[in-house]
Amino acid sequence: MKPFCLLLTAGLLAGCAHYQPRTLAPEPAARQWEARRLDDAGLQSFVLTNTAGRWSHWPPEKWEVNALTLAAFYFHPDLNVARAQWLVAGAGITTAGGRPNPVLSGGPGYNFNAAGVTPWMPFGAVDLPLETAGKRGKRIAAAEKASESARWAYLSTAWQLRTGVRAALVELSAADQRVGGLQKLLAAQEQVIHRQEQRVAAGALAASELLPARMALNTTRAELNAAQARLTAARSRLAEAIGLPLAALDGISLPTQFAGTPAADLTSAETRRAALVGRADLRAALADYAASEDNLRLEIAKQYPDVHLNPGYQFDQGDNKWTFGLSLELPVLNQNQGPIAEAKARRELAAAKFIQLQAQTIAAIDRATAALSTARTQVRNDSTLLALAGQRQKSLAAQLKAGAAEPLDLLAAEVESDTLQLTQIEDEAQLQAALGALEDAVQRPSDDFAALQFLPAHFQP
C-alpha cells in the first residue's frame, strides 16, 4: 500500500506546473527601448519571414508607409499588449475545458462500545462530480468566442498602427514641404524689400511704403519658426507611431510627398458593405455577442444541478463496509434566476454595442467620403490658380525682358505664386488626411498593401 501511495503522489506532482520567475526592471527596459533602431536584426528576420519576398533587400533605401508599418508591427507596444490579451483569452479555453476534480475525504472513527475488537473504524470516501446539461461544452464555446474577439481586437490594433504611421507620415511630409515653401517665400520677400529699399534710396518710393512688405516678412519668419517646430513634433509623432525613440529616425530617408489618390474603389457601395460586416472591430463585437449567447446558455444550464457520486469505504471492527451515495443540489430556493437575468442583459449590451459601432462606422465613412470630395475639389482649384500664377510669371518675365515691366513686378508675382504653393501644400495634406480617414473607416488601404497580410501567419484572419 505504501509504495502505491508514493507512486500516486509522485505522479500527481509530476503533472504540476512549476513557477519560473521572470524579473521586470524599469531601467533595463528603458535601455532596451532607447537602443531600438530600424536596422535591428530581429526586424529584418520578421520582415523576410512574413512578407514572402516583397522586399528584395532589407532595410529599404527609402522608408515609405508600408515598410514603416511593418516596423510598427514589430516594435510597437500596443500590438504586444493586444497579443498578450489574446493569449490570455486563449488560455481561458483551457480553463473552461477543465473537468472538476474528484474529492477524497477520510478520517478515523472510534466505537466506544467495542468489546475485544479494535475500537478504531477508519473510513474514506470519494466525491465524483458529474456536470449535467452540457455545461462544460457551453463554457468552452463561450471561451472560444472570447478568444476570437481578442484575436479580432489584435487585428484591429494592427490596423490602427498602420493608420497611425500613415497619418504621422502625412503630417511629417506636409511640415517638411511647408518649411521649404516658407523658406522660398521668405527669400522672395527679402528680394522685394531689397528692391523697394533701392527705390527709396533713389527717391522713387516713400520709406513708409516699406511697412507692408516688412510686416509680411515678419509674419513669414514667424510662420517658418512654427513650421520648423511642427516638423520636429511630426518626427517625434512618427517615432511614437512606430514604437521607436526619436533618435532611431536619424539618417533615415523618409518620403517627402505622397502619391496620388487611387481611392475610387474605397467609395464604392461594395467597399462600404464589406466594411460594415468585415472591419476587425465589428468582427470582435460580433464575437462578443456570440460569447454572450453562449454564456446565457451556460447560465440556463446551471438551473440543472450537477450530480455527485459518493462511493465510500469503512473498516469497522474487522468488517469491510462499502457504501455508495448520490447527492445533488435541490433547486428549490432559486433556479439561478439572477445570473440568467445578468446574462440576458449582457447579451442585450453586446448587441447594442455592435449596433453603436456599426452606426459609428457608417458615419465615419460618410464623413470621410465627403471630406475627400471637398479636399479633391480644393486641390484642383489650387492647381488651376497655380497654373494661372505660373502663366502670369512667364508673361511678366517676357515683359521685363522687353522693358515693359519692372523687376519688382516679377518679384511680387513670385511672392504670390509661393503663397499659393503654401496653400496647396496644406490642402494636399488635408486631402491625404481625408483619404487616410476613409481608409481607416473601411479598414482597407488605397494602395496594394494589405496591412494585415504581413502579420505572422498564425495571427492573420
Protein backbone atom coordinates (compact mmCIF):
# COMPACT_ATOMS: atom_id res chain seq x y z
CA MET A 1 0.00 0.00 0.00
CA LYS A 2 2.77 2.41 0.91
CA PRO A 3 4.61 2.06 -2.47
CA PHE A 4 1.31 2.65 -4.27
CA CYS A 5 0.69 5.86 -2.33
CA LEU A 6 4.20 7.05 -3.04
CA LEU A 7 3.80 6.36 -6.76
CA LEU A 8 0.43 8.11 -6.82
CA THR A 9 1.89 11.18 -5.07
CA ALA A 10 4.88 11.28 -7.44
CA GLY A 11 2.56 11.05 -10.46
CA LEU A 12 0.40 13.90 -9.23
CA LEU A 13 3.43 16.11 -8.54
CA ALA A 14 4.94 15.34 -11.95
CA GLY A 15 1.86 16.77 -13.66
CA CYS A 16 2.03 20.07 -11.78
CA ALA A 17 3.39 23.27 -13.26
CA HIS A 18 6.42 24.82 -11.62
CA TYR A 19 6.92 28.51 -11.01
CA GLN A 20 9.69 30.15 -13.01
CA PRO A 21 10.48 33.74 -12.00
CA ARG A 22 10.89 36.45 -14.64
CA THR A 23 12.14 39.77 -13.41
CA LEU A 24 10.98 43.06 -14.88
CA ALA A 25 13.00 46.14 -14.01
CA PRO A 26 12.38 49.66 -15.36
CA GLU A 27 15.99 50.61 -16.07
CA PRO A 28 16.89 47.68 -18.39
CA ALA A 29 13.56 48.06 -20.15
CA ALA A 30 14.24 51.76 -20.74
CA ARG A 31 17.72 50.99 -22.08
CA GLN A 32 16.30 48.41 -24.47
CA TRP A 33 13.77 50.97 -25.69
CA GLU A 34 16.42 53.60 -26.30
CA ALA A 35 18.56 51.07 -28.21
CA ARG A 36 15.86 50.27 -30.77
CA ARG A 37 16.81 51.01 -34.38
CA LEU A 38 15.36 50.31 -37.81
CA ASP A 39 18.40 48.21 -38.75
CA ASP A 40 17.55 45.74 -35.96
CA ALA A 41 18.34 42.15 -36.96
CA GLY A 42 15.12 40.91 -35.38
CA LEU A 43 13.09 43.31 -37.53
CA GLN A 44 14.88 42.10 -40.64
CA SER A 45 14.13 38.48 -39.76
CA PHE A 46 10.48 39.35 -39.06
CA VAL A 47 10.08 41.09 -42.42
CA LEU A 48 11.84 38.47 -44.52
CA THR A 49 9.89 35.68 -42.80
CA ASN A 50 6.45 37.22 -43.22
CA THR A 51 6.49 39.20 -46.48
CA ALA A 52 7.11 36.36 -48.94
CA GLY A 53 9.81 38.15 -50.92
CA ARG A 54 8.02 41.50 -51.30
CA TRP A 55 11.31 43.22 -50.50
CA SER A 56 14.37 42.02 -52.39
CA HIS A 57 16.60 43.52 -49.71
CA TRP A 58 16.17 44.90 -46.24
CA PRO A 59 16.37 47.51 -44.89
CA PRO A 60 14.90 49.53 -47.77
CA GLU A 61 16.61 52.62 -49.16
CA LYS A 62 13.51 54.76 -48.50
CA TRP A 63 11.25 54.04 -45.55
CA GLU A 64 7.78 54.55 -47.01
CA VAL A 65 4.50 53.81 -45.23
CA ASN A 66 4.48 50.06 -45.94
CA ALA A 67 7.96 49.43 -44.57
CA LEU A 68 7.35 51.61 -41.52
CA THR A 69 4.08 49.77 -40.86
CA LEU A 70 6.00 46.50 -40.69
CA ALA A 71 8.41 48.13 -38.27
CA ALA A 72 5.43 49.21 -36.14
CA PHE A 73 4.12 45.63 -36.20
CA TYR A 74 7.47 44.51 -34.83
CA PHE A 75 8.21 47.28 -32.31
CA HIS A 76 5.02 48.92 -31.09
CA PRO A 77 3.99 48.00 -27.53
CA ASP A 78 0.27 48.33 -28.30
CA LEU A 79 0.44 45.25 -30.52
CA ASN A 80 2.33 43.36 -27.82
CA VAL A 81 -0.43 44.22 -25.34
CA ALA A 82 -3.15 43.13 -27.77
CA ARG A 83 -1.26 39.89 -28.46
CA ALA A 84 -0.91 39.21 -24.73
CA GLN A 85 -4.63 39.84 -24.21
CA TRP A 86 -5.37 37.37 -26.98
CA LEU A 87 -3.11 34.78 -25.34
CA VAL A 88 -4.90 35.34 -22.03
CA ALA A 89 -8.24 34.77 -23.73
CA GLY A 90 -6.86 31.66 -25.41
CA ALA A 91 -5.73 30.30 -22.06
CA GLY A 92 -9.33 30.77 -20.91
CA ILE A 93 -10.34 27.96 -23.28
CA THR A 94 -8.13 25.57 -21.31
CA THR A 95 -9.69 26.80 -18.09
CA ALA A 96 -13.20 26.38 -19.48
CA GLY A 97 -12.43 22.83 -20.61
CA GLY A 98 -11.16 21.72 -17.22
CA ARG A 99 -13.17 18.98 -15.56
CA PRO A 100 -13.89 19.15 -11.81
CA ASN A 101 -11.52 17.00 -9.79
CA PRO A 102 -12.77 14.25 -7.51
CA VAL A 103 -12.51 14.96 -3.80
CA LEU A 104 -11.03 12.35 -1.47
CA SER A 105 -12.03 12.55 2.17
CA GLY A 106 -11.39 10.27 5.11
CA GLY A 107 -10.66 10.07 8.78
CA PRO A 108 -10.71 7.91 11.87
CA GLY A 109 -13.78 6.64 13.67
CA TYR A 110 -14.00 5.26 17.22
CA ASN A 111 -16.51 2.83 18.73
CA PHE A 112 -16.75 3.34 22.49
CA ASN A 113 -18.82 0.12 22.87
CA ALA A 114 -16.33 -2.17 21.14
CA ALA A 115 -15.57 -5.37 23.08
CA GLY A 116 -12.49 -7.40 22.34
CA VAL A 117 -12.06 -5.85 18.91
CA THR A 118 -10.19 -2.67 17.97
CA PRO A 119 -12.48 0.31 18.51
CA TRP A 120 -10.96 2.28 15.63
CA MET A 121 -13.03 2.48 12.43
CA PRO A 122 -11.10 4.32 9.70
CA PHE A 123 -13.17 5.40 6.72
CA GLY A 124 -12.69 7.03 3.33
CA ALA A 125 -14.97 8.46 0.64
CA VAL A 126 -14.67 9.93 -2.83
CA ASP A 127 -16.82 12.70 -4.28
CA LEU A 128 -17.07 12.29 -8.07
CA PRO A 129 -18.78 15.35 -9.60
CA LEU A 130 -20.62 14.85 -12.89
CA GLU A 131 -21.61 18.01 -14.77
CA THR A 132 -25.02 17.92 -16.41
CA ALA A 133 -26.80 19.78 -19.22
CA GLY A 134 -23.61 20.15 -21.27
CA LYS A 135 -22.17 22.88 -19.05
CA ARG A 136 -18.58 22.11 -19.97
CA GLY A 137 -19.26 22.36 -23.71
CA LYS A 138 -21.07 25.66 -23.22
CA ARG A 139 -18.17 27.03 -21.15
CA ILE A 140 -15.72 26.05 -23.87
CA ALA A 141 -17.89 27.63 -26.59
CA ALA A 142 -18.09 30.92 -24.66
CA ALA A 143 -14.32 30.92 -24.06
CA GLU A 144 -13.64 30.23 -27.75
CA LYS A 145 -15.79 33.21 -28.73
CA ALA A 146 -13.95 35.39 -26.21
CA SER A 147 -10.64 34.27 -27.72
CA GLU A 148 -11.94 35.04 -31.21
CA SER A 149 -12.96 38.52 -30.04
CA ALA A 150 -9.46 39.09 -28.61
CA ARG A 151 -7.97 37.91 -31.91
CA TRP A 152 -10.02 40.41 -33.89
CA ALA A 153 -9.12 43.10 -31.36
CA TYR A 154 -5.46 42.26 -32.03
CA LEU A 155 -6.01 42.67 -35.77
CA SER A 156 -7.87 45.93 -35.19
CA THR A 157 -4.87 47.18 -33.19
CA ALA A 158 -2.60 46.22 -36.09
CA TRP A 159 -4.75 48.26 -38.46
CA GLN A 160 -4.71 51.24 -36.09
CA LEU A 161 -0.92 51.08 -36.08
CA ARG A 162 -0.90 51.30 -39.88
CA THR A 163 -3.32 54.23 -39.69
CA GLY A 164 -1.14 55.99 -37.12
CA VAL A 165 2.03 55.52 -39.17
CA ARG A 166 0.38 56.86 -42.31
CA ALA A 167 -1.10 59.88 -40.52
CA ALA A 168 2.28 60.71 -38.95
CA LEU A 169 3.99 60.43 -42.34
CA VAL A 170 1.41 62.73 -43.94
CA GLU A 171 1.95 65.27 -41.17
CA LEU A 172 5.73 64.98 -41.50
CA SER A 173 5.59 65.36 -45.28
CA ALA A 174 3.33 68.42 -45.06
CA ALA A 175 5.53 70.00 -42.40
CA ASP A 176 8.68 69.39 -44.44
CA GLN A 177 7.13 70.85 -47.61
CA ARG A 178 5.79 73.82 -45.67
CA VAL A 179 9.24 74.59 -44.26
CA GLY A 180 10.68 74.51 -47.78
CA GLY A 181 7.85 76.64 -49.17
CA LEU A 182 8.18 79.24 -46.41
CA GLN A 183 11.93 79.44 -46.93
CA LYS A 184 11.33 80.08 -50.63
CA LEU A 185 8.67 82.71 -49.85
CA LEU A 186 10.97 84.35 -47.30
CA ALA A 187 13.74 84.66 -49.88
CA ALA A 188 11.34 86.23 -52.39
CA GLN A 189 10.03 88.70 -49.81
CA GLU A 190 13.56 89.70 -48.85
CA GLN A 191 14.28 90.45 -52.52
CA VAL A 192 11.11 92.54 -52.70
CA ILE A 193 12.22 94.59 -49.70
CA HIS A 194 15.72 94.95 -51.16
CA ARG A 195 14.26 96.32 -54.42
CA GLN A 196 11.95 98.64 -52.51
CA GLU A 197 14.86 99.93 -50.42
CA GLN A 198 16.71 100.70 -53.64
CA ARG A 199 13.71 102.70 -54.85
CA VAL A 200 13.51 104.54 -51.52
CA ALA A 201 17.20 105.43 -51.83
CA ALA A 202 16.57 106.72 -55.33
CA GLY A 203 13.67 108.84 -54.08
CA ALA A 204 11.15 106.91 -56.17
CA LEU A 205 9.33 105.47 -53.14
CA ALA A 206 8.44 106.79 -49.70
CA ALA A 207 10.01 104.96 -46.76
CA SER A 208 6.56 104.39 -45.26
CA GLU A 209 5.68 102.22 -48.26
CA LEU A 210 8.11 99.58 -46.95
CA LEU A 211 5.91 98.85 -43.92
CA PRO A 212 3.50 96.31 -45.53
CA ALA A 213 6.37 94.31 -47.03
CA ARG A 214 8.30 94.29 -43.74
CA MET A 215 5.18 93.17 -41.83
CA ALA A 216 4.64 90.36 -44.33
CA LEU A 217 8.30 89.35 -43.94
CA ASN A 218 7.97 89.19 -40.13
CA THR A 219 4.81 87.11 -40.46
CA THR A 220 6.58 84.69 -42.77
CA ARG A 221 9.52 84.37 -40.37
CA ALA A 222 7.14 83.57 -37.51
CA GLU A 223 5.34 81.01 -39.67
CA LEU A 224 8.67 79.46 -40.61
CA ASN A 225 9.65 79.09 -36.94
CA ALA A 226 6.28 77.49 -36.22
CA ALA A 227 6.64 75.18 -39.22
CA GLN A 228 10.09 74.06 -38.10
CA ALA A 229 8.70 73.29 -34.62
CA ARG A 230 5.85 71.42 -36.28
CA LEU A 231 8.36 69.43 -38.32
CA THR A 232 10.24 68.39 -35.17
CA ALA A 233 6.97 67.41 -33.47
CA ALA A 234 5.92 65.43 -36.55
CA ARG A 235 9.14 63.41 -36.44
CA SER A 236 8.50 62.68 -32.77
CA ARG A 237 4.94 61.54 -33.52
CA LEU A 238 6.19 59.29 -36.32
CA ALA A 239 8.72 57.67 -33.98
CA GLU A 240 5.96 57.17 -31.42
CA ALA A 241 3.65 55.66 -34.06
CA ILE A 242 6.33 53.10 -34.95
CA GLY A 243 7.31 52.39 -31.37
CA LEU A 244 10.82 53.82 -31.56
CA PRO A 245 12.84 56.54 -29.81
CA LEU A 246 13.20 59.73 -31.83
CA ALA A 247 16.93 59.10 -32.35
CA ALA A 248 16.08 55.99 -34.38
CA LEU A 249 14.89 58.22 -37.26
CA ASP A 250 18.23 59.99 -37.59
CA GLY A 251 19.75 59.38 -41.02
CA ILE A 252 16.62 57.63 -42.29
CA SER A 253 15.31 58.60 -45.72
CA LEU A 254 11.58 59.33 -45.40
CA PRO A 255 9.08 60.24 -48.14
CA THR A 256 8.51 63.96 -48.61
CA GLN A 257 5.50 63.55 -50.87
CA PHE A 258 2.60 61.15 -51.18
CA ALA A 259 1.48 59.64 -54.45
CA GLY A 260 -1.91 60.31 -55.98
CA THR A 261 -5.17 59.11 -54.52
CA PRO A 262 -6.29 55.90 -56.29
CA ALA A 263 -9.27 55.63 -53.95
CA ALA A 264 -12.22 55.31 -56.30
CA ASP A 265 -12.97 51.79 -55.07
CA LEU A 266 -12.90 52.98 -51.43
CA THR A 267 -16.06 54.99 -52.04
CA SER A 268 -17.92 52.19 -53.83
CA ALA A 269 -21.06 50.61 -52.40
CA GLU A 270 -19.32 47.22 -52.40
CA THR A 271 -16.48 48.51 -50.22
CA ARG A 272 -18.97 50.14 -47.89
CA ARG A 273 -20.92 46.90 -47.46
CA ALA A 274 -17.73 44.93 -46.90
CA ALA A 275 -16.62 47.38 -44.21
CA LEU A 276 -19.94 47.14 -42.35
CA VAL A 277 -19.51 43.40 -41.90
CA GLY A 278 -15.78 42.85 -42.17
CA ARG A 279 -13.99 45.51 -40.09
CA ALA A 280 -11.89 43.87 -37.40
CA ASP A 281 -13.55 45.80 -34.58
CA LEU A 282 -17.00 44.86 -35.88
CA ARG A 283 -15.96 41.21 -36.08
CA ALA A 284 -14.72 41.48 -32.49
CA ALA A 285 -18.08 42.93 -31.44
CA LEU A 286 -19.88 40.07 -33.19
CA ALA A 287 -17.67 37.58 -31.36
CA ASP A 288 -18.51 39.33 -28.08
CA TYR A 289 -22.21 38.91 -28.87
CA ALA A 290 -21.71 35.23 -29.69
CA ALA A 291 -19.86 34.80 -26.39
CA SER A 292 -22.75 36.44 -24.54
CA GLU A 293 -25.11 33.98 -26.22
CA ASP A 294 -23.04 31.02 -25.03
CA ASN A 295 -22.78 32.50 -21.54
CA LEU A 296 -26.57 32.79 -21.43
CA ARG A 297 -26.88 29.15 -22.48
CA LEU A 298 -24.45 28.23 -19.71
CA GLU A 299 -26.40 30.13 -17.04
CA ILE A 300 -29.63 28.50 -18.18
CA ALA A 301 -27.92 25.10 -17.99
CA LYS A 302 -26.88 25.87 -14.43
CA GLN A 303 -30.54 25.58 -13.44
CA TYR A 304 -29.99 21.86 -13.57
CA PRO A 305 -27.91 20.60 -10.65
CA ASP A 306 -24.78 18.57 -11.09
CA VAL A 307 -24.69 15.03 -9.78
CA HIS A 308 -22.13 13.91 -7.21
CA LEU A 309 -21.30 10.20 -6.83
CA ASN A 310 -20.06 9.35 -3.32
CA PRO A 311 -18.56 5.85 -3.03
CA GLY A 312 -17.11 5.16 0.42
CA TYR A 313 -15.33 2.57 2.49
CA GLN A 314 -15.13 1.87 6.22
CA PHE A 315 -13.18 -0.71 8.18
CA ASP A 316 -15.49 -1.49 11.09
CA GLN A 317 -14.02 -3.85 13.70
CA GLY A 318 -12.68 -6.29 11.16
CA ASP A 319 -15.52 -5.82 8.68
CA ASN A 320 -15.01 -4.14 5.30
CA LYS A 321 -18.03 -1.94 4.64
CA TRP A 322 -18.64 -0.30 1.29
CA THR A 323 -21.15 2.45 0.64
CA PHE A 324 -22.39 4.25 -2.42
CA GLY A 325 -24.11 7.61 -2.24
CA LEU A 326 -25.53 10.11 -4.67
CA SER A 327 -26.06 13.80 -3.98
CA LEU A 328 -27.30 16.81 -5.88
CA GLU A 329 -28.33 20.34 -5.08
CA LEU A 330 -32.09 20.85 -4.82
CA PRO A 331 -33.08 23.97 -6.84
CA VAL A 332 -35.99 24.88 -4.59
CA LEU A 333 -34.94 28.29 -3.22
CA ASN A 334 -33.64 29.67 -6.51
CA GLN A 335 -33.22 28.44 -10.05
CA ASN A 336 -30.25 30.66 -10.98
CA GLN A 337 -32.60 33.49 -11.94
CA GLY A 338 -30.12 36.25 -11.06
CA PRO A 339 -27.20 35.06 -13.23
CA ILE A 340 -29.64 34.26 -16.05
CA ALA A 341 -31.00 37.81 -15.91
CA GLU A 342 -27.45 39.22 -15.90
CA ALA A 343 -26.50 37.07 -18.87
CA LYS A 344 -29.57 38.27 -20.80
CA ALA A 345 -28.68 41.88 -20.01
CA ARG A 346 -25.08 41.33 -21.14
CA ARG A 347 -26.36 39.89 -24.41
CA GLU A 348 -28.50 42.98 -24.95
CA LEU A 349 -25.50 45.15 -24.11
CA ALA A 350 -23.30 43.29 -26.62
CA ALA A 351 -25.98 43.73 -29.31
CA ALA A 352 -26.31 47.44 -28.52
CA LYS A 353 -22.53 47.92 -28.69
CA PHE A 354 -22.40 46.25 -32.09
CA ILE A 355 -25.20 48.44 -33.45
CA GLN A 356 -23.48 51.50 -31.97
CA LEU A 357 -20.15 50.61 -33.56
CA GLN A 358 -21.78 49.90 -36.92
CA ALA A 359 -23.57 53.27 -36.80
CA GLN A 360 -20.27 54.99 -35.95
CA THR A 361 -18.65 53.20 -38.89
CA ILE A 362 -21.37 54.40 -41.28
CA ALA A 363 -20.98 57.97 -40.03
CA ALA A 364 -17.18 57.77 -40.33
CA ILE A 365 -17.42 56.51 -43.92
CA ASP A 366 -19.88 59.24 -44.88
CA ARG A 367 -17.83 61.93 -43.16
CA ALA A 368 -14.55 60.79 -44.74
CA THR A 369 -16.13 60.45 -48.20
CA ALA A 370 -17.49 64.00 -48.04
CA ALA A 371 -14.18 65.37 -46.74
CA LEU A 372 -12.28 63.57 -49.51
CA SER A 373 -14.56 65.00 -52.19
CA THR A 374 -14.20 68.53 -50.79
CA ALA A 375 -10.42 68.20 -50.49
CA ARG A 376 -10.11 66.95 -54.08
CA THR A 377 -12.10 69.92 -55.33
CA GLN A 378 -9.93 72.32 -53.34
CA VAL A 379 -6.69 70.77 -54.65
CA ARG A 380 -7.98 71.05 -58.23
CA ASN A 381 -8.78 74.72 -57.61
CA ASP A 382 -5.29 75.24 -56.19
CA SER A 383 -3.76 73.65 -59.27
CA THR A 384 -5.77 75.96 -61.51
CA LEU A 385 -4.68 79.06 -59.56
CA LEU A 386 -1.05 77.93 -59.57
CA ALA A 387 -1.18 77.39 -63.31
CA LEU A 388 -2.55 80.90 -63.79
CA ALA A 389 0.12 82.31 -61.46
CA GLY A 390 2.80 80.49 -63.47
CA GLN A 391 1.47 81.93 -66.70
CA ARG A 392 1.50 85.40 -65.15
CA GLN A 393 5.12 84.97 -64.08
CA LYS A 394 6.09 83.92 -67.60
CA SER A 395 4.27 86.89 -69.04
CA LEU A 396 5.95 89.33 -66.63
CA ALA A 397 9.33 87.75 -67.31
CA ALA A 398 8.80 88.36 -71.02
CA GLN A 399 7.65 91.93 -70.37
CA LEU A 400 10.67 92.53 -68.14
CA LYS A 401 12.95 91.30 -70.90
CA ALA A 402 11.24 93.68 -73.32
CA GLY A 403 11.50 96.56 -70.85
CA ALA A 404 7.74 96.78 -70.34
CA ALA A 405 7.75 95.68 -66.67
CA GLU A 406 9.71 96.33 -63.51
CA PRO A 407 11.76 93.65 -61.65
CA LEU A 408 9.61 94.41 -58.61
CA ASP A 409 6.50 93.33 -60.54
CA LEU A 410 8.06 89.94 -61.28
CA LEU A 411 9.11 89.54 -57.63
CA ALA A 412 5.58 90.35 -56.47
CA ALA A 413 4.24 87.69 -58.82
CA GLU A 414 6.76 85.23 -57.40
CA VAL A 415 5.62 86.01 -53.86
CA GLU A 416 2.04 85.45 -54.95
CA SER A 417 2.93 82.10 -56.53
CA ASP A 418 4.88 80.98 -53.45
CA THR A 419 1.92 81.87 -51.23
CA LEU A 420 -0.39 79.82 -53.45
CA GLN A 421 2.02 76.89 -53.22
CA LEU A 422 1.85 77.02 -49.42
CA THR A 423 -1.94 76.91 -49.63
CA GLN A 424 -1.72 73.93 -51.97
CA ILE A 425 0.62 72.12 -49.55
CA GLU A 426 -1.93 72.50 -46.75
CA ASP A 427 -4.82 71.45 -48.98
CA GLU A 428 -2.95 68.39 -50.22
CA ALA A 429 -2.24 67.46 -46.60
CA GLN A 430 -5.99 67.78 -45.94
CA LEU A 431 -6.63 65.55 -48.95
CA GLN A 432 -4.25 62.88 -47.67
CA ALA A 433 -5.76 63.14 -44.19
CA ALA A 434 -9.24 62.65 -45.65
CA LEU A 435 -8.01 59.67 -47.65
CA GLY A 436 -6.44 58.20 -44.52
CA ALA A 437 -9.70 58.71 -42.62
CA LEU A 438 -11.58 56.87 -45.37
CA GLU A 439 -9.04 54.04 -45.34
CA ASP A 440 -9.48 53.82 -41.58
CA ALA A 441 -13.28 53.87 -41.84
CA VAL A 442 -13.41 50.97 -44.31
CA GLN A 443 -10.19 49.38 -42.99
CA ARG A 444 -8.81 48.98 -46.49
CA PRO A 445 -5.68 50.64 -47.90
CA SER A 446 -5.83 52.66 -51.10
CA ASP A 447 -2.68 51.01 -52.45
CA ASP A 448 -1.84 47.33 -52.89
CA PHE A 449 -0.58 46.96 -49.35
CA ALA A 450 -2.92 44.93 -47.15
CA ALA A 451 -1.84 45.88 -43.65
CA LEU A 452 -2.75 42.59 -42.03
CA GLN A 453 -1.37 40.20 -44.63
CA PHE A 454 2.19 40.63 -43.39
CA LEU A 455 1.48 39.71 -39.81
CA PRO A 456 2.83 36.29 -38.82
CA ALA A 457 0.73 33.57 -40.44
CA HIS A 458 -0.86 32.39 -37.20
CA PHE A 459 -2.06 35.95 -36.46
CA GLN A 460 -3.79 36.53 -39.79
CA PRO A 461 -7.59 36.49 -40.13
